[in-house]
Amino acid sequence: MSQDLTQQWLAEIQTLKQQLIEEQQQRAAAWESAEKWRKLYNTEAEQRRTDADFFRQTIASLKTEIQQLKGIDGQTLPDAKASVGIQQELAQIRTVEDLKAKLVEVIKERDRLRQALKTEQENHAQTRKSLTTALGDAIDSLARERAKGNGE
């Protein structure tokens, strides 16, 4: 009788050890999944920051060009090639109508770039929200698995 009871206990201990190993494996898998999502989120966030910086620089460049076309800023650009290009474009402007047409073109391009930046910012916000939700779901799933394992 004592030997049967000992065998039962040993079998129970073995079962518990196996369950513990399985839970540890599930925890490790969930952790790896969370790490993967974290890396994906960080990669996407870095790309969005890079894009936003590019668009900020483009907008700043266009603002400078508009100011020079309007005669607000008398300074020359540090980039000689850009300055030469602007001078060539200005030389092509012969009338007030040409100047107005060029200004409209520049303003349209600025507005297009602003819209592109806004779209990128909205996409970034949506991506952040989606990735945060996915990460939260993964953590919730891990918590449920742990609770389920502890409840058994």
Protein backbone atom coordinates (compact mmCIF):
# COMPACT_ATOMS: atom_id res chain seq x y z
CA MET A 1 0.00 0.00 0.00
CA SER A 2 2.79 2.41 0.92
CA GLN A 3 4.63 1.54 -2.25
CA ASP A 4 1.50 2.27 -4.36
CA LEU A 5 1.13 5.63 -2.66
CA THR A 6 4.81 6.41 -3.30
CA GLN A 7 4.40 5.47 -6.96
CA GLN A 8 1.36 7.72 -7.19
CA TRP A 9 3.29 10.62 -5.70
CA LEU A 10 6.23 10.05 -7.99
CA ALA A 11 3.91 9.95 -11.02
CA GLU A 12 2.22 13.15 -9.86
CA ILE A 13 5.60 14.84 -9.39
CA GLN A 14 6.66 13.72 -12.87
CA THR A 15 3.42 15.09 -14.35
CA LEU A 16 3.92 18.41 -12.58
CA LYS A 17 7.51 18.61 -13.82
CA GLN A 18 6.31 18.04 -17.38
CA GLN A 19 3.62 20.70 -17.00
CA LEU A 20 6.21 23.12 -15.63
CA ILE A 21 8.49 22.49 -18.61
CA GLU A 22 5.60 23.06 -21.02
CA GLU A 23 4.63 26.31 -19.28
CA GLN A 24 8.22 27.53 -19.41
CA GLN A 25 8.35 26.76 -23.14
CA GLN A 26 5.09 28.63 -23.72
CA ARG A 27 6.38 31.58 -21.72
CA ALA A 28 9.60 31.62 -23.77
CA ALA A 29 7.62 31.49 -27.02
CA ALA A 30 5.39 34.34 -25.90
CA TRP A 31 8.43 36.36 -24.87
CA GLU A 32 10.04 35.79 -28.27
CA SER A 33 6.83 36.87 -29.98
CA ALA A 34 6.68 40.03 -27.87
CA GLU A 35 10.33 40.77 -28.70
CA LYS A 36 9.60 40.30 -32.40
CA TRP A 37 6.69 42.76 -32.21
CA ARG A 38 8.83 45.22 -30.26
CA LYS A 39 11.54 45.07 -32.93
CA LEU A 40 8.99 45.50 -35.73
CA TYR A 41 7.46 48.48 -33.96
CA ASN A 42 10.88 50.09 -33.42
CA THR A 43 11.84 49.53 -37.07
CA GLU A 44 8.58 51.06 -38.27
CA ALA A 45 8.92 53.98 -35.85
CA GLU A 46 12.46 54.67 -37.05
CA GLN A 47 11.31 54.66 -40.68
CA ARG A 48 8.50 57.08 -39.85
CA ARG A 49 10.95 59.39 -38.04
CA THR A 50 13.29 59.29 -41.04
CA ASP A 51 10.43 60.08 -43.41
CA ALA A 52 9.19 62.89 -41.19
CA ASP A 53 12.71 64.41 -41.03
CA PHE A 54 12.96 64.25 -44.81
CA PHE A 55 9.62 66.00 -45.24
CA ARG A 56 10.54 68.65 -42.65
CA GLN A 57 13.74 69.37 -44.57
CA THR A 58 11.85 69.55 -47.85
CA ILE A 59 9.29 71.95 -46.39
CA ALA A 60 12.04 74.11 -44.90
CA SER A 61 13.76 74.20 -48.28
CA LEU A 62 10.53 75.22 -50.00
CA LYS A 63 9.89 77.92 -47.41
CA THR A 64 13.35 79.31 -48.06
CA GLU A 65 12.73 79.26 -51.80
CA ILE A 66 9.38 81.03 -51.39
CA GLN A 67 10.97 83.66 -49.17
CA GLN A 68 13.69 84.28 -51.73
CA LEU A 69 11.16 84.48 -54.55
CA LYS A 70 9.18 87.02 -52.56
CA GLY A 71 12.37 88.94 -51.75
CA ILE A 72 11.93 88.51 -48.00
CA ASP A 73 15.27 86.86 -47.41
CA GLY A 74 18.24 88.61 -48.99
CA GLN A 75 20.73 85.94 -47.92
CA THR A 76 22.21 83.54 -50.42
CA LEU A 77 21.85 79.83 -49.95
CA PRO A 78 24.90 77.98 -48.67
CA ASP A 79 24.51 75.40 -51.44
CA ALA A 80 26.00 77.00 -54.55
CA LYS A 81 24.29 74.58 -56.96
CA ALA A 82 20.87 75.33 -55.48
CA SER A 83 21.61 79.04 -55.63
CA VAL A 84 22.62 78.80 -59.30
CA GLY A 85 19.51 76.75 -60.06
CA ILE A 86 17.31 79.33 -58.39
CA GLN A 87 19.04 82.14 -60.22
CA GLN A 88 18.45 80.35 -63.53
CA GLU A 89 14.78 79.86 -62.71
CA LEU A 90 14.44 83.50 -61.68
CA ALA A 91 16.09 84.60 -64.95
CA GLN A 92 13.33 82.79 -66.82
CA ILE A 93 10.71 84.87 -65.04
CA ARG A 94 10.05 87.87 -67.26
CA THR A 95 6.69 89.17 -66.06
CA VAL A 96 4.62 89.41 -62.94
CA GLU A 97 2.41 86.70 -64.43
CA ASP A 98 5.41 84.36 -64.72
CA LEU A 99 6.28 85.10 -61.11
CA LYS A 100 2.72 84.41 -60.01
CA ALA A 101 2.67 81.14 -61.96
CA LYS A 102 5.96 80.06 -60.35
CA LEU A 103 4.70 81.01 -56.91
CA VAL A 104 1.50 79.03 -57.45
CA GLU A 105 3.59 76.05 -58.55
CA VAL A 106 5.77 76.27 -55.44
CA ILE A 107 2.76 76.68 -53.16
CA LYS A 108 1.07 73.65 -54.74
CA GLU A 109 4.21 71.58 -54.21
CA ARG A 110 4.41 72.78 -50.60
CA ASP A 111 0.77 71.83 -50.03
CA ARG A 112 1.35 68.42 -51.62
CA LEU A 113 4.33 67.84 -49.34
CA ARG A 114 2.37 68.96 -46.29
CA GLN A 115 -0.39 66.51 -47.20
CA ALA A 116 2.17 63.74 -47.71
CA LEU A 117 3.68 64.52 -44.31
CA LYS A 118 0.25 64.52 -42.69
CA THR A 119 -0.55 61.17 -44.33
CA GLU A 120 2.75 59.73 -43.11
CA GLN A 121 2.05 60.98 -39.59
CA GLU A 122 -1.42 59.42 -39.66
CA ASN A 123 0.01 56.16 -40.99
CA HIS A 124 2.63 56.21 -38.25
CA ALA A 125 -0.03 56.75 -35.60
CA GLN A 126 -2.11 53.89 -37.01
CA THR A 127 0.91 51.60 -37.16
CA ARG A 128 1.84 52.47 -33.57
CA LYS A 129 -1.74 51.79 -32.48
CA SER A 130 -1.86 48.46 -34.35
CA LEU A 131 1.48 47.28 -33.03
CA THR A 132 0.62 48.36 -29.50
CA THR A 133 -2.66 46.46 -29.72
CA ALA A 134 -0.88 43.37 -31.05
CA LEU A 135 1.69 43.59 -28.26
CA GLY A 136 -1.09 43.99 -25.70
CA ASP A 137 -2.91 40.98 -27.15
CA ALA A 138 0.26 38.90 -26.95
CA ILE A 139 0.78 39.90 -23.31
CA ASP A 140 -2.88 39.19 -22.50
CA SER A 141 -2.58 35.79 -24.18
CA LEU A 142 0.51 35.00 -22.15
CA ALA A 143 -1.28 36.06 -18.97
CA ARG A 144 -4.26 33.83 -19.82
CA GLU A 145 -1.96 30.90 -20.51
CA ARG A 146 -0.22 31.43 -17.19
CA ALA A 147 -3.53 31.72 -15.37
CA LYS A 148 -4.80 28.61 -17.12
CA GLY A 149 -1.64 26.75 -16.17
CA ASN A 150 -1.88 27.87 -12.55
CA GLY A 151 -5.57 26.97 -12.40
CA GLU A 152 -5.04 23.36 -13.42
